[in-house]
Protein backbone atom coordinates (compact mmCIF):
# COMPACT_ATOMS: atom_id res chain seq x y z
CA MET A 1 26.34 -2.82 22.41
CA THR A 2 27.94 0.54 22.92
CA ASP A 3 31.47 -0.23 21.79
CA SER A 4 33.23 1.00 18.66
CA ASN A 5 33.15 -2.38 16.95
CA PRO A 6 32.33 -1.91 13.24
CA ARG A 7 29.86 -4.78 13.52
CA THR A 8 27.86 -2.71 16.00
CA ARG A 9 27.57 0.12 13.49
CA LEU A 10 26.75 -2.33 10.70
CA THR A 11 23.92 -3.76 12.83
CA GLY A 12 22.59 -0.25 13.29
CA VAL A 13 22.61 0.44 9.54
CA LEU A 14 20.87 -2.86 8.80
CA LEU A 15 18.17 -2.33 11.44
CA LEU A 16 17.40 1.16 10.14
CA THR A 17 17.36 -0.10 6.56
CA SER A 18 14.89 -2.80 7.55
CA LEU A 19 12.63 -0.28 9.28
CA VAL A 20 12.55 2.12 6.32
CA ALA A 21 11.99 -0.66 3.76
CA MET A 22 9.17 -2.32 5.71
CA ILE A 23 7.36 0.94 6.36
CA ALA A 24 7.64 1.81 2.67
CA GLY A 25 6.17 -1.58 1.77
CA ALA A 26 3.30 -1.20 4.23
CA ALA A 27 2.60 2.30 2.92
CA ILE A 28 1.98 0.73 -0.49
CA VAL A 29 0.02 -2.33 0.65
CA VAL A 30 -2.56 -0.75 2.95
CA PRO A 31 -4.01 2.00 0.73
CA SER A 32 -3.78 -0.02 -2.51
CA GLY A 33 -5.76 -3.03 -1.25
CA LEU A 34 -2.86 -5.43 -1.85
CA THR A 35 -3.11 -7.04 1.60
CA LEU A 36 -3.65 -10.37 -0.24
CA ASN A 37 -6.21 -11.98 2.03
CA SER A 38 -6.38 -15.77 1.76
CA ALA A 39 -10.17 -15.72 2.22
CA GLY A 40 -10.62 -14.42 -1.33
CA PRO A 41 -7.99 -15.90 -3.69
CA ASP A 42 -9.92 -14.93 -6.82
CA ALA A 43 -10.05 -11.30 -5.67
CA VAL A 44 -6.34 -11.43 -4.83
CA LEU A 45 -5.46 -12.68 -8.31
CA ALA A 46 -7.52 -9.87 -9.82
CA ALA A 47 -5.88 -7.24 -7.60
CA VAL A 48 -2.36 -8.47 -8.38
CA GLY A 49 -3.14 -8.60 -12.10
CA GLU A 50 -4.53 -5.05 -12.10
CA GLN A 51 -1.70 -3.60 -9.99
CA PHE A 52 1.18 -5.80 -11.12
CA GLY A 53 3.84 -3.08 -10.98
CA LEU A 54 2.73 -1.83 -7.59
CA HIS A 55 2.71 -5.39 -6.24
CA LEU A 56 6.30 -5.97 -7.38
CA THR A 57 7.38 -2.61 -5.96
CA GLU A 58 5.91 -3.48 -2.57
CA LEU A 59 7.52 -6.91 -2.68
CA THR A 60 10.90 -5.33 -3.46
CA PHE A 61 10.69 -3.18 -0.34
CA ASP A 62 9.46 -6.11 1.75
CA VAL A 63 12.24 -8.42 0.56
CA LEU A 64 14.81 -5.70 1.29
CA GLY A 65 13.34 -5.27 4.77
CA TRP A 66 13.44 -8.97 5.64
CA LEU A 67 16.92 -9.38 4.11
CA ALA A 68 18.24 -6.48 6.19
CA LEU A 69 16.62 -7.96 9.31
CA THR A 70 18.18 -11.35 8.61
CA ALA A 71 21.61 -9.79 8.10
CA ALA A 72 21.24 -7.68 11.26
CA GLY A 73 20.44 -10.80 13.26
CA LEU A 74 23.45 -12.64 11.89
CA VAL A 75 25.77 -9.72 12.64
CA MET A 76 24.30 -9.35 16.11
CA SER A 77 24.79 -13.04 16.90
CA ALA A 78 28.41 -12.83 15.71
CA ARG A 79 29.34 -10.19 18.26
CA SER A 80 32.35 -10.63 20.49
CA ALA A 81 31.89 -13.15 23.29
CA GLN A 82 33.42 -10.52 25.60
CA ALA A 83 30.26 -8.40 25.41
CA PRO A 84 27.95 -8.45 28.43
CA GLY A 85 25.31 -11.17 28.24
CA PRO A 86 26.84 -12.87 25.17
CA HIS A 87 24.48 -15.85 25.18
CA LEU A 88 21.30 -13.78 25.19
CA VAL A 89 22.73 -11.48 22.52
CA THR A 90 23.53 -14.50 20.36
CA LEU A 91 20.03 -15.89 20.97
CA ALA A 92 18.41 -12.58 20.08
CA GLY A 93 20.45 -12.35 16.89
CA GLY A 94 19.67 -15.91 15.90
CA LEU A 95 15.94 -15.43 16.46
CA LEU A 96 16.03 -12.18 14.51
CA ALA A 97 17.76 -13.89 11.57
CA ALA A 98 15.20 -16.73 11.70
CA ALA A 99 12.38 -14.17 11.65
CA GLY A 100 13.91 -12.60 8.56
CA LEU A 101 14.13 -15.96 6.79
CA ALA A 102 10.49 -16.75 7.59
CA GLY A 103 9.56 -13.33 6.24
CA LEU A 104 11.42 -14.09 3.01
CA LEU A 105 9.47 -17.35 2.72
CA HIS A 106 6.30 -15.28 3.00
CA ASP A 107 7.52 -13.00 0.20
CA ALA A 108 8.36 -16.00 -1.98
CA GLY A 109 4.72 -17.07 -1.77
CA ASN A 110 3.51 -13.59 -2.66
CA LEU A 111 5.92 -13.48 -5.58
CA ALA A 112 4.50 -16.77 -6.86
CA LEU A 113 1.12 -15.08 -7.08
CA THR A 114 2.42 -12.85 -9.86
CA GLN A 115 2.74 -15.90 -12.12
CA LEU A 116 -0.65 -17.25 -11.10
CA ALA A 117 -2.26 -13.86 -11.73
CA ALA A 118 -0.96 -13.90 -15.30
CA ASP A 119 -3.58 -16.55 -16.18
CA PRO A 120 -6.27 -16.48 -13.48
CA THR A 121 -8.74 -18.53 -15.54
CA ALA A 122 -6.46 -21.56 -15.94
CA PRO A 123 -7.67 -24.80 -14.29
CA ALA A 124 -7.12 -25.00 -10.51
CA VAL A 125 -5.34 -21.62 -10.40
CA VAL A 126 -7.69 -20.29 -7.70
CA THR A 127 -7.12 -23.39 -5.57
CA VAL A 128 -3.34 -23.16 -5.96
CA ALA A 129 -3.48 -19.45 -5.15
CA TRP A 130 -5.43 -20.21 -1.97
CA VAL A 131 -2.78 -22.73 -0.86
CA VAL A 132 0.03 -20.29 -1.65
CA LEU A 133 -1.72 -17.47 0.20
CA LEU A 134 -2.44 -19.61 3.23
CA THR A 135 1.18 -20.79 3.39
CA ALA A 136 2.45 -17.24 3.00
CA LYS A 137 0.14 -15.96 5.74
CA TRP A 138 1.31 -18.55 8.26
CA ALA A 139 4.93 -17.98 7.25
CA VAL A 140 4.62 -14.30 8.14
CA ASN A 141 2.84 -15.27 11.37
CA LEU A 142 5.83 -17.47 12.21
CA ALA A 143 8.12 -14.56 11.35
CA GLY A 144 6.14 -12.38 13.75
CA LEU A 145 6.44 -14.93 16.55
CA LEU A 146 10.21 -15.22 16.05
CA TRP A 147 10.45 -11.42 15.93
CA VAL A 148 8.64 -11.18 19.27
CA ALA A 149 10.98 -13.75 20.82
CA ALA A 150 14.01 -11.91 19.44
CA THR A 151 12.72 -8.63 20.87
CA ALA A 152 12.20 -10.16 24.30
CA ALA A 153 15.70 -11.69 24.30
CA ALA A 154 17.28 -8.44 23.11
CA ALA A 155 15.41 -6.36 25.70
CA VAL A 156 16.79 -8.62 28.44
CA GLY A 157 20.29 -9.38 27.14
CA VAL A 158 21.50 -6.40 25.10
CA PRO A 159 23.00 -3.53 27.12
CA MET A 160 20.74 -0.48 26.80
CA PRO A 161 19.07 2.23 28.94
CA THR A 162 16.25 1.13 31.21
CA GLY A 163 13.70 3.15 29.27
CA LEU A 164 14.59 1.43 26.00
CA ARG A 165 14.51 -1.95 27.74
CA ILE A 166 10.98 -1.29 29.03
CA ALA A 167 9.92 -0.07 25.60
CA GLY A 168 11.22 -3.35 24.16
CA ALA A 169 9.09 -5.35 26.57
CA VAL A 170 6.01 -3.31 25.65
CA ALA A 171 6.76 -3.75 21.94
CA ALA A 172 7.11 -7.51 22.41
CA ILE A 173 3.68 -7.67 24.08
CA SER A 174 2.16 -5.68 21.22
CA GLY A 175 3.79 -8.00 18.68
CA LEU A 176 2.55 -11.05 20.54
CA ALA A 177 -1.00 -9.69 20.30
CA ALA A 178 -0.51 -9.34 16.53
CA VAL A 179 0.68 -12.95 16.28
CA ALA A 180 -2.34 -14.15 18.27
CA LEU A 181 -4.91 -12.37 16.06
CA PRO A 182 -5.14 -15.04 13.31
CA TRP A 183 -5.82 -17.70 15.94
CA THR A 184 -8.97 -15.87 17.02
CA THR A 185 -10.64 -16.19 13.61
CA GLY A 186 -11.07 -19.97 13.50
CA THR A 187 -11.34 -21.52 10.05
CA ASP A 188 -12.53 -18.28 8.42
CA GLY A 189 -9.13 -16.63 8.54
CA PRO A 190 -8.41 -12.97 9.32
CA THR A 191 -10.27 -10.22 7.49
CA VAL A 192 -8.43 -7.41 5.71
CA ALA A 193 -9.21 -5.08 8.63
CA LEU A 194 -7.80 -7.59 11.11
CA GLU A 195 -4.63 -8.01 9.06
CA GLN A 196 -4.16 -4.26 8.99
CA LEU A 197 -4.60 -4.21 12.77
CA GLY A 198 -1.84 -6.83 12.90
CA TYR A 199 0.43 -4.48 10.93
CA ALA A 200 -0.29 -1.71 13.43
CA LEU A 201 0.47 -3.99 16.39
CA HIS A 202 3.82 -4.98 14.85
CA LEU A 203 4.76 -1.34 14.31
CA PRO A 204 6.09 -0.83 17.89
CA ILE A 205 8.59 -3.66 17.33
CA MET A 206 9.74 -2.12 14.05
CA ILE A 207 10.14 1.31 15.66
CA TRP A 208 11.93 -0.19 18.67
CA TYR A 209 14.51 -1.88 16.46
CA GLY A 210 14.88 1.38 14.57
CA ALA A 211 15.60 3.16 17.85
CA LEU A 212 18.08 0.42 18.77
CA GLY A 213 19.76 0.77 15.38
CA LEU A 214 20.03 4.53 15.81
CA ARG A 215 21.60 4.00 19.24
CA TYR A 216 24.19 1.65 17.71
CA LEU A 217 25.15 4.33 15.19
CA ARG A 218 25.38 7.10 17.77
CA ASN A 219 27.49 5.15 20.28
CA ARG A 220 30.86 4.99 18.58
């Protein structure tokens, strides 16, 4: 993807936007204790209620990040069929867009918590919050899996320097480890520390797509 096609540059802008927005969201979540762990729905409702504005701010950044990722995937998959490796590029773009949609589903669940947190003592609210949290957690796990698959397909099919291709493979392995983490916790679910480790393991994928986006912008 080193041509002068405007869609190439648009993909670059969208990938960089996604990177900045997601890092901004994570920078709010981690220090504020808004990780929203499904193991403690009552504590989550209390945290959201106490930091309502901060929760919505983080969600805004996260939604922007996943929206930009979805759009980048759609633009990538719509590239000219004359590009090298068109089928893998289309696959990578489609998987990236699917990851973005799964991420938006995750955010929809977290947004629903704002309404539940408004009346945490209402009947069955804690149970409903647990279901919403659990669904949201597995939605973001699905998003991570699709993101890993998209990264692997892009590293193989998108024209790029060998060093960036190898970095993509390493990032995909790191992301796969993040996706596997929740499966190691059995029925207890991941702890807050484990979830934060998952964020760290996904970071190489985010940075790699940022580097890819920057390359798209520079190669005009």
